[in-house]
Amino acid sequence: MRIILAGTGSAVGKTTISTGIMKALSEKYNVQPFKVGPDYIDPSYHTLATGNVSRNLDSFFMSEGQVRDSFIKGMNGKDMGIIEGVRGLFEGIDAVNDIGSTASIAKALNAPVILIVNSKSLVKSAAAIVLGFKSLDPEINIAGVILNKVKHEAHYQKTKRSIEKITGVEVIGGIKRDDNISIEQRHLGLVPAVERENSLKFIDMWSKTIKESIDLDRLVEIMKETPKITANREPIWNKLNKQKVNIAVAYDEVFNFYYKENIESLEDNHAKIHYFSPLKDEHLPDADALYIGGGYPELFSKELSSNSSMLRDIKKFHEDNRPLFAECGGLMYLMNSIHDDKMVSAYPYKSILTDRVQALKYTIAEVQEDNIISKKGEKFNGHEFHYSKVLVDKNNLKNKFAFKILRGRGSFENQDGFIEGNTLASYVHTHVAAMPNFGGNLTISAREL
């Protein structure tokens, strides 16, 4: 059983509605959540709502066969898959094709779509919107509609009748306007759930609203009508390493932006994962390699700076020339400082948070130097989204870069991936589906170095 919850555009309430549905149905079913696109924050709410780690599906990173492989692997032992879309149903990296869009995932999985419509001040025009989405691509099965921001019951019934009579698509629920169920935003979107003590309060509130507003039995019926996936699958990572290694992964309130498949690719390449907190732990666990993902180190810079024993451990790990890979927030942590707060100093540069987005884009990179996760000449897709930057220019640059950025911005002059010994730090977020040897290369580096 599977369903895609897609919006007509951004800010129509997809995350609150999707998370509320996931929570409500988790009371009876084992729900596996998914998110379309390169997103770490919405999945953190899905994970809290269902108790299962949310996974990302993305046709920019993945072939259709990889989308199916990732979905089916994630569904092992689960009853149903609920997939939250990204932006509008058809939005991707191109104005014409489907790459990077929710529509592409619907096609790859042959999954029905529930369209979420902001119905504020709309009645018959809501029907026109649904009709347009239904007509644009007949391959996509728009199986139902959820109306958000309904004024009152009369407004809901009138809009429901208009949509069903004009488009033939059933409306399975309507949610009244309520500013109390929205949560605060941060510069990368919603505040990540791992950091919010009251996140569960919001999720419970969303679930209660969903149970009062949406026909969940009908939603489940639509999922049950979905045919099995029979099209081909393509593995999303390669197995290269056969010897056991230990890899320490930073995970806490600060660093928590990871794709589940990246970790699984390490485990499938015989890595034992040891999670640690750069914020709270005094020392590193015993490990052959380190992996520090993205997050919000700029908001915890003073606390990170005061944990001097952890900074020393990571600096020594780097100076011992052992494999250390860091992405985005992890990159900032490895710099000399964040603003004026001292960090690991694996690199001699200062990182700062700016008041405007520095990069927000899918990226394509070409590897120009062998490194601990990739080999010269390879190309891979990724993404970048950050408000911070590293203060580096031609006068103070002391490092080679691993990647030439063919699409996107990078850290400096369309380059990224600072190399210092066997430490690699990049603003580009990597998904193993786009770099299938990631887990194998990092574990082999851990074994050999």
Protein backbone atom coordinates (compact mmCIF):
# COMPACT_ATOMS: atom_id res chain seq x y z
CA MET A 1 0.00 0.00 0.00
CA ARG A 2 1.30 3.44 -0.90
CA ILE A 3 0.12 6.99 -1.45
CA ILE A 4 1.69 10.31 -2.40
CA LEU A 5 0.52 13.51 -0.69
CA ALA A 6 1.31 16.30 -3.14
CA GLY A 7 0.66 20.02 -3.11
CA THR A 8 -0.43 22.42 -5.80
CA GLY A 9 2.58 24.47 -4.70
CA SER A 10 4.74 25.30 -1.70
CA ALA A 11 3.21 26.41 1.61
CA VAL A 12 -0.12 24.63 1.14
CA GLY A 13 0.34 22.66 4.38
CA LYS A 14 1.91 19.46 3.03
CA THR A 15 4.16 18.77 6.00
CA THR A 16 1.58 19.31 8.73
CA ILE A 17 -1.07 17.33 6.84
CA SER A 18 1.31 14.53 5.83
CA THR A 19 2.79 14.21 9.30
CA GLY A 20 -0.66 14.27 10.88
CA ILE A 21 -1.87 11.51 8.55
CA MET A 22 1.24 9.45 9.28
CA LYS A 23 0.70 9.82 13.02
CA ALA A 24 -3.03 9.03 12.85
CA LEU A 25 -2.57 5.92 10.72
CA SER A 26 0.36 4.74 12.85
CA GLU A 27 -2.14 4.01 15.62
CA LYS A 28 -3.34 1.05 13.53
CA TYR A 29 -0.67 0.42 10.88
CA ASN A 30 3.11 0.18 10.65
CA VAL A 31 3.70 3.27 8.50
CA GLN A 32 6.91 3.89 6.55
CA PRO A 33 7.33 7.59 5.75
CA PHE A 34 9.09 9.02 2.71
CA LYS A 35 9.90 12.53 1.50
CA VAL A 36 10.41 13.58 -2.10
CA GLY A 37 13.46 15.73 -2.70
CA PRO A 38 16.61 16.73 -0.82
CA ASP A 39 15.18 17.44 2.61
CA TYR A 40 16.37 16.55 6.12
CA ILE A 41 13.90 18.56 8.19
CA ASP A 42 10.45 17.35 7.13
CA PRO A 43 11.61 13.71 7.48
CA SER A 44 12.54 14.38 11.11
CA TYR A 45 8.83 15.03 11.83
CA HIS A 46 7.80 11.93 9.89
CA THR A 47 10.20 9.86 11.98
CA LEU A 48 8.78 11.17 15.24
CA ALA A 49 5.22 10.61 14.02
CA THR A 50 5.68 6.99 12.95
CA GLY A 51 8.66 5.64 14.89
CA ASN A 52 10.22 4.66 11.53
CA VAL A 53 13.09 6.61 9.96
CA SER A 54 11.80 8.62 7.01
CA ARG A 55 13.58 8.10 3.69
CA ASN A 56 14.10 10.38 0.70
CA LEU A 57 13.08 9.61 -2.88
CA ASP A 58 14.57 11.85 -5.54
CA SER A 59 14.71 11.37 -9.30
CA PHE A 60 17.65 13.78 -9.62
CA PHE A 61 19.74 11.45 -7.47
CA MET A 62 18.06 8.21 -8.49
CA SER A 63 17.10 6.40 -11.67
CA GLU A 64 13.53 5.04 -11.81
CA GLY A 65 14.91 1.60 -10.90
CA GLN A 66 16.73 3.07 -7.89
CA VAL A 67 13.56 4.87 -6.77
CA ARG A 68 11.77 1.52 -6.77
CA ASP A 69 14.66 -0.24 -5.04
CA SER A 70 14.86 2.40 -2.32
CA PHE A 71 11.10 2.35 -1.77
CA ILE A 72 10.83 -1.45 -1.63
CA LYS A 73 13.81 -1.75 0.73
CA GLY A 74 12.28 0.87 2.99
CA MET A 75 8.95 -0.96 2.98
CA ASN A 76 10.41 -4.20 4.37
CA GLY A 77 8.19 -5.24 7.29
CA LYS A 78 5.90 -2.20 6.93
CA ASP A 79 2.16 -2.03 6.14
CA MET A 80 2.00 1.13 4.06
CA GLY A 81 4.21 3.81 2.58
CA ILE A 82 3.15 7.45 2.84
CA ILE A 83 5.17 9.82 0.65
CA GLU A 84 5.17 13.58 1.18
CA GLY A 85 5.86 15.48 -2.04
CA VAL A 86 8.05 18.51 -2.60
CA ARG A 87 6.75 21.95 -3.64
CA GLY A 88 4.06 21.60 -6.33
CA LEU A 89 3.34 18.19 -7.85
CA PHE A 90 5.13 19.00 -11.11
CA GLU A 91 7.97 21.21 -9.85
CA GLY A 92 11.45 19.83 -10.60
CA ILE A 93 14.72 21.14 -11.97
CA ASP A 94 13.29 21.81 -15.44
CA ALA A 95 10.26 23.69 -16.73
CA VAL A 96 9.22 20.79 -18.99
CA ASN A 97 10.56 17.40 -17.85
CA ASP A 98 9.85 15.58 -14.58
CA ILE A 99 13.35 15.22 -13.10
CA GLY A 100 13.40 16.08 -9.40
CA SER A 101 9.61 16.35 -9.17
CA THR A 102 6.97 14.56 -7.12
CA ALA A 103 5.34 13.57 -10.42
CA SER A 104 8.42 11.55 -11.38
CA ILE A 105 8.18 9.55 -8.14
CA ALA A 106 4.46 8.93 -8.71
CA LYS A 107 5.28 7.49 -12.13
CA ALA A 108 8.24 5.40 -10.96
CA LEU A 109 6.15 3.81 -8.19
CA ASN A 110 2.80 3.80 -10.03
CA ALA A 111 1.42 5.46 -6.89
CA PRO A 112 -1.90 7.31 -6.52
CA VAL A 113 -1.71 11.00 -5.63
CA ILE A 114 -3.78 12.93 -3.11
CA LEU A 115 -3.66 16.60 -4.11
CA ILE A 116 -3.57 19.17 -1.29
CA VAL A 117 -5.21 22.46 -2.27
CA ASN A 118 -5.17 25.75 -0.38
CA SER A 119 -8.87 26.54 -0.75
CA LYS A 120 -8.81 29.93 0.95
CA SER A 121 -11.30 32.19 -0.88
CA LEU A 122 -11.80 29.53 -3.59
CA VAL A 123 -14.82 27.46 -4.65
CA LYS A 124 -15.19 26.83 -8.38
CA SER A 125 -11.64 28.04 -8.98
CA ALA A 126 -10.47 25.15 -6.79
CA ALA A 127 -12.12 22.82 -9.32
CA ALA A 128 -10.25 24.58 -12.12
CA ILE A 129 -6.98 23.99 -10.29
CA VAL A 130 -7.70 20.29 -9.77
CA LEU A 131 -8.83 19.91 -13.38
CA GLY A 132 -5.59 21.49 -14.60
CA PHE A 133 -3.45 19.16 -12.49
CA LYS A 134 -5.50 16.16 -13.60
CA SER A 135 -5.26 17.06 -17.29
CA LEU A 136 -1.57 18.00 -17.46
CA ASP A 137 -0.26 14.43 -17.25
CA PRO A 138 -2.76 11.56 -17.73
CA GLU A 139 -0.12 9.06 -16.50
CA ILE A 140 -0.57 10.40 -12.97
CA ASN A 141 -3.53 9.10 -11.00
CA ILE A 142 -4.93 11.96 -8.93
CA ALA A 143 -7.09 9.78 -6.74
CA GLY A 144 -8.34 12.35 -4.24
CA VAL A 145 -8.19 15.91 -2.94
CA ILE A 146 -7.69 17.38 0.52
CA LEU A 147 -8.80 20.98 0.99
CA ASN A 148 -6.75 23.07 3.41
CA LYS A 149 -7.65 26.42 5.00
CA VAL A 150 -11.39 25.89 4.69
CA LYS A 151 -13.39 28.77 6.22
CA HIS A 152 -16.32 26.73 7.58
CA GLU A 153 -18.44 23.66 6.85
CA ALA A 154 -20.57 25.41 4.22
CA HIS A 155 -17.45 26.53 2.37
CA TYR A 156 -16.10 22.99 2.48
CA GLN A 157 -19.28 21.37 1.18
CA LYS A 158 -19.67 23.91 -1.63
CA THR A 159 -16.05 23.50 -2.77
CA LYS A 160 -16.21 19.72 -2.45
CA ARG A 161 -19.33 19.58 -4.66
CA SER A 162 -17.73 21.84 -7.27
CA ILE A 163 -14.57 19.74 -7.50
CA GLU A 164 -16.35 16.40 -7.60
CA LYS A 165 -18.97 17.46 -10.17
CA ILE A 166 -16.53 19.25 -12.50
CA THR A 167 -13.42 17.04 -12.26
CA GLY A 168 -14.69 13.64 -11.16
CA VAL A 169 -12.05 13.55 -8.40
CA GLU A 170 -13.35 12.86 -4.90
CA VAL A 171 -12.60 15.17 -2.00
CA ILE A 172 -11.66 13.12 1.07
CA GLY A 173 -11.45 15.90 3.62
CA GLY A 174 -11.17 19.56 4.49
CA ILE A 175 -9.13 21.26 7.21
CA LYS A 176 -10.30 24.52 8.75
CA ARG A 177 -7.98 27.48 9.05
CA ASP A 178 -6.07 27.41 12.32
CA ASP A 179 -2.85 29.34 12.83
CA ASN A 180 -2.30 27.55 16.14
CA ILE A 181 -1.17 24.34 14.43
CA SER A 182 1.70 25.95 12.52
CA ILE A 183 5.22 25.83 13.94
CA GLU A 184 8.12 28.22 13.71
CA GLN A 185 10.41 28.47 10.69
CA ARG A 186 14.19 28.65 10.50
CA HIS A 187 16.51 29.64 7.69
CA LEU A 188 16.41 26.11 6.22
CA GLY A 189 12.66 25.64 6.67
CA LEU A 190 10.84 24.07 9.61
CA VAL A 191 12.77 23.77 12.85
CA PRO A 192 14.13 20.20 12.91
CA ALA A 193 12.14 17.90 15.14
CA VAL A 194 15.19 16.40 16.81
CA GLU A 195 15.83 19.78 18.44
CA ARG A 196 12.32 20.58 19.63
CA GLU A 197 11.12 19.26 22.98
CA ASN A 198 7.54 20.09 22.12
CA SER A 199 7.57 18.61 18.60
CA LEU A 200 5.42 15.69 19.70
CA LYS A 201 2.84 18.14 21.03
CA PHE A 202 2.50 19.64 17.56
CA ILE A 203 2.41 16.22 15.91
CA ASP A 204 -0.35 15.07 18.26
CA MET A 205 -2.27 18.25 17.47
CA TRP A 206 -1.90 17.66 13.73
CA SER A 207 -3.02 14.04 14.15
CA LYS A 208 -6.11 15.07 16.11
CA THR A 209 -7.02 17.61 13.41
CA ILE A 210 -6.55 15.01 10.68
CA LYS A 211 -8.78 12.46 12.40
CA GLU A 212 -11.52 15.09 12.72
CA SER A 213 -11.17 16.39 9.15
CA ILE A 214 -10.18 13.61 6.74
CA ASP A 215 -11.79 10.30 5.76
CA LEU A 216 -8.85 8.07 6.70
CA ASP A 217 -10.78 4.89 5.90
CA ARG A 218 -11.24 6.08 2.33
CA LEU A 219 -7.56 7.02 2.15
CA VAL A 220 -6.61 3.47 3.16
CA GLU A 221 -9.04 2.06 0.58
CA ILE A 222 -7.30 4.09 -2.14
CA MET A 223 -3.95 2.69 -1.01
CA LYS A 224 -5.31 -0.87 -1.05
CA GLU A 225 -6.38 -0.42 -4.67
CA THR A 226 -2.79 0.30 -5.73
CA PRO A 227 -1.21 -2.48 -7.85
CA LYS A 228 2.06 -4.17 -6.89
CA ILE A 229 5.32 -2.75 -8.21
CA THR A 230 6.56 -5.08 -10.96
CA ALA A 231 8.93 -2.83 -12.95
CA ASN A 232 12.70 -3.29 -12.72
CA ARG A 233 14.82 -2.31 -9.72
CA GLU A 234 18.39 -1.02 -9.69
CA PRO A 235 20.59 -1.18 -6.55
CA ILE A 236 21.36 2.22 -5.04
CA TRP A 237 24.83 1.31 -3.76
CA ASN A 238 27.69 -1.07 -4.47
CA LYS A 239 29.35 -3.50 -2.08
CA LEU A 240 33.12 -3.08 -2.28
CA ASN A 241 34.53 -3.74 1.19
CA LYS A 242 34.50 -7.14 2.91
CA GLN A 243 36.48 -6.37 6.08
CA LYS A 244 34.97 -4.99 9.28
CA VAL A 245 35.65 -1.37 10.20
CA ASN A 246 34.33 1.08 12.79
CA ILE A 247 32.93 4.43 11.70
CA ALA A 248 31.94 7.17 14.14
CA VAL A 249 28.98 9.30 13.03
CA ALA A 250 28.17 12.62 14.69
CA TYR A 251 24.50 12.70 15.68
CA ASP A 252 22.86 15.07 18.16
CA GLU A 253 20.91 18.33 18.27
CA VAL A 254 23.59 19.99 16.17
CA PHE A 255 24.42 17.41 13.50
CA ASN A 256 21.51 15.35 12.27
CA PHE A 257 21.23 15.84 8.50
CA TYR A 258 21.89 12.37 7.07
CA TYR A 259 20.31 10.25 4.39
CA LYS A 260 19.42 6.89 5.90
CA GLU A 261 20.73 5.11 2.80
CA ASN A 262 24.19 6.67 3.25
CA ILE A 263 24.46 5.04 6.66
CA GLU A 264 23.04 1.75 5.37
CA SER A 265 25.58 1.70 2.53
CA LEU A 266 28.35 1.92 5.13
CA GLU A 267 26.79 -0.89 7.14
CA ASP A 268 26.40 -3.02 4.02
CA ASN A 269 30.11 -2.49 3.42
CA HIS A 270 30.87 -4.04 6.84
CA ALA A 271 30.99 -0.84 8.90
CA LYS A 272 29.86 -0.82 12.51
CA ILE A 273 28.38 2.61 13.20
CA HIS A 274 29.15 4.35 16.50
CA TYR A 275 27.07 7.48 17.06
CA PHE A 276 28.54 10.27 19.16
CA SER A 277 27.71 13.85 20.13
CA PRO A 278 30.23 16.63 19.42
CA LEU A 279 28.05 18.75 21.70
CA LYS A 280 27.82 16.53 24.79
CA ASP A 281 30.43 13.76 24.64
CA GLU A 282 33.89 14.47 25.99
CA HIS A 283 35.73 12.10 23.66
CA LEU A 284 35.44 10.34 20.33
CA PRO A 285 34.53 6.66 20.26
CA ASP A 286 37.19 4.29 18.97
CA ALA A 287 36.81 4.43 15.20
CA ASP A 288 38.63 3.99 11.90
CA ALA A 289 36.82 6.89 10.18
CA LEU A 290 34.59 9.86 11.06
CA TYR A 291 31.48 11.13 9.31
CA ILE A 292 30.10 14.53 10.34
CA GLY A 293 26.88 15.51 8.55
CA GLY A 294 24.99 18.75 8.25
CA GLY A 295 22.97 20.63 10.82
CA TYR A 296 23.06 23.94 12.70
CA PRO A 297 26.52 24.35 14.29
CA GLU A 298 26.19 28.12 13.93
CA LEU A 299 23.41 28.06 16.56
CA PHE A 300 25.51 26.02 18.98
CA SER A 301 28.91 27.50 18.26
CA LYS A 302 29.64 28.59 21.83
CA GLU A 303 28.67 25.19 23.26
CA LEU A 304 30.71 23.35 20.62
CA SER A 305 33.66 25.64 21.25
CA SER A 306 33.54 25.01 24.99
CA ASN A 307 33.80 21.23 24.47
CA SER A 308 37.57 21.47 24.14
CA SER A 309 38.30 17.77 24.71
CA MET A 310 36.12 16.79 21.75
CA LEU A 311 37.72 19.46 19.56
CA ARG A 312 41.16 18.09 20.49
CA ASP A 313 40.13 14.50 19.74
CA ILE A 314 38.82 15.38 16.29
CA LYS A 315 41.83 17.59 15.53
CA LYS A 316 44.17 14.72 16.47
CA PHE A 317 42.14 12.30 14.35
CA HIS A 318 42.63 14.67 11.43
CA GLU A 319 46.34 15.20 12.16
CA ASP A 320 46.85 11.43 12.34
CA ASN A 321 45.70 11.40 8.69
CA ARG A 322 42.73 9.16 9.35
CA PRO A 323 39.62 9.41 7.11
CA LEU A 324 37.26 12.22 8.06
CA PHE A 325 34.32 13.24 5.86
CA ALA A 326 32.15 16.28 6.63
CA GLU A 327 29.18 17.88 4.84
CA CYS A 328 27.87 21.45 5.13
CA GLY A 329 27.42 21.98 8.90
CA GLY A 330 30.21 19.46 9.44
CA LEU A 331 32.39 21.54 7.13
CA MET A 332 31.78 24.62 9.30
CA TYR A 333 32.71 22.64 12.42
CA LEU A 334 36.05 21.63 10.90
CA MET A 335 37.00 25.23 10.11
CA ASN A 336 39.13 27.40 12.37
CA SER A 337 36.07 29.13 13.78
CA ILE A 338 32.38 29.86 13.42
CA HIS A 339 32.21 33.63 13.78
CA ASP A 340 34.65 34.09 16.68
CA ASP A 341 34.06 30.75 18.39
CA LYS A 342 36.97 28.35 18.03
CA MET A 343 36.25 25.08 16.20
CA VAL A 344 38.31 22.02 15.21
CA SER A 345 40.75 23.96 13.02
CA ALA A 346 41.38 21.19 10.53
CA TYR A 347 41.26 24.07 8.02
CA PRO A 348 42.63 27.60 8.64
CA TYR A 349 39.50 29.50 7.58
CA LYS A 350 36.66 31.26 9.33
CA SER A 351 33.04 30.35 8.63
CA ILE A 352 30.18 32.75 9.21
CA LEU A 353 26.39 32.82 8.94
CA THR A 354 25.03 35.43 6.56
CA ASP A 355 21.57 37.01 6.35
CA ARG A 356 20.83 35.61 2.89
CA VAL A 357 20.96 32.22 1.26
CA GLN A 358 24.39 31.48 -0.22
CA ALA A 359 23.40 28.42 -2.22
CA LEU A 360 20.11 26.65 -2.92
CA LYS A 361 20.36 24.26 -5.82
CA TYR A 362 20.75 20.76 -7.11
CA THR A 363 24.41 20.31 -8.00
CA ILE A 364 26.44 18.31 -10.47
CA ALA A 365 30.08 17.77 -9.54
CA GLU A 366 33.10 16.26 -11.25
CA VAL A 367 35.80 14.71 -9.08
CA GLN A 368 39.16 16.29 -9.86
CA GLU A 369 41.24 14.75 -7.06
CA ASP A 370 41.14 11.22 -5.62
CA ASN A 371 39.71 11.35 -2.10
CA ILE A 372 38.27 9.13 0.63
CA ILE A 373 34.81 8.82 -0.96
CA SER A 374 35.34 9.16 -4.73
CA LYS A 375 37.85 8.85 -7.57
CA LYS A 376 39.12 11.36 -10.11
CA GLY A 377 36.99 11.57 -13.24
CA GLU A 378 33.72 10.47 -11.61
CA LYS A 379 30.64 12.71 -11.77
CA PHE A 380 27.84 12.78 -9.24
CA ASN A 381 24.67 14.69 -8.42
CA GLY A 382 24.09 16.36 -5.07
CA HIS A 383 22.54 19.46 -3.55
CA GLU A 384 23.55 22.54 -1.57
CA PHE A 385 21.45 24.71 0.73
CA HIS A 386 23.14 27.01 3.22
CA TYR A 387 23.21 30.53 4.55
CA SER A 388 26.78 30.20 5.80
CA LYS A 389 30.02 30.67 3.91
CA VAL A 390 33.72 30.06 4.40
CA LEU A 391 35.89 33.17 4.20
CA VAL A 392 38.37 31.93 1.62
CA ASP A 393 39.89 33.77 -1.32
CA LYS A 394 42.95 33.56 -3.54
CA ASN A 395 45.09 35.28 -0.91
CA ASN A 396 44.45 32.79 1.90
CA LEU A 397 43.61 29.57 0.03
CA LYS A 398 45.85 26.73 1.20
CA ASN A 399 43.91 23.65 0.11
CA LYS A 400 43.14 21.69 -3.03
CA PHE A 401 39.51 21.04 -3.91
CA ALA A 402 38.17 17.57 -4.66
CA PHE A 403 35.22 18.67 -6.79
CA LYS A 404 34.62 20.94 -9.74
CA ILE A 405 31.03 22.17 -9.56
CA LEU A 406 29.41 21.92 -12.99
CA ARG A 407 25.97 22.92 -11.72
CA GLY A 408 25.66 24.93 -8.53
CA ARG A 409 27.96 27.22 -6.60
CA GLY A 410 30.33 25.34 -4.30
CA SER A 411 32.65 26.85 -1.70
CA PHE A 412 34.99 28.88 -3.92
CA GLU A 413 34.98 29.66 -7.64
CA ASN A 414 32.77 26.67 -8.56
CA GLN A 415 34.91 24.29 -6.55
CA ASP A 416 34.15 22.35 -3.39
CA GLY A 417 35.47 19.59 -1.21
CA PHE A 418 38.39 21.00 0.80
CA ILE A 419 41.15 18.37 0.95
CA GLU A 420 43.63 18.32 3.82
CA GLY A 421 45.36 14.95 4.09
CA ASN A 422 42.58 12.38 4.42
CA THR A 423 40.04 14.92 5.58
CA LEU A 424 37.38 15.99 3.08
CA ALA A 425 34.82 18.73 3.81
CA SER A 426 32.20 19.93 1.33
CA TYR A 427 29.08 22.07 1.15
CA VAL A 428 27.65 19.57 -1.33
CA HIS A 429 25.32 17.04 0.29
CA THR A 430 25.83 13.58 -1.15
CA HIS A 431 23.25 10.83 -1.59
CA VAL A 432 24.65 7.34 -2.10
CA ALA A 433 22.27 6.69 -5.02
CA ALA A 434 24.15 9.38 -6.96
CA MET A 435 27.52 8.12 -5.69
CA PRO A 436 27.03 4.32 -5.44
CA ASN A 437 30.61 3.70 -4.29
CA PHE A 438 30.35 6.14 -1.35
CA GLY A 439 29.97 3.47 1.35
CA GLY A 440 32.50 1.17 -0.23
CA ASN A 441 35.13 3.86 -0.72
CA LEU A 442 34.82 5.31 2.78
CA THR A 443 35.00 1.89 4.43
CA ILE A 444 37.98 0.89 2.28
CA SER A 445 39.66 4.18 3.25
CA ALA A 446 38.90 3.38 6.90
CA ARG A 447 40.41 -0.10 6.51
CA GLU A 448 43.53 0.97 4.65
CA LEU A 449 44.38 4.23 6.36
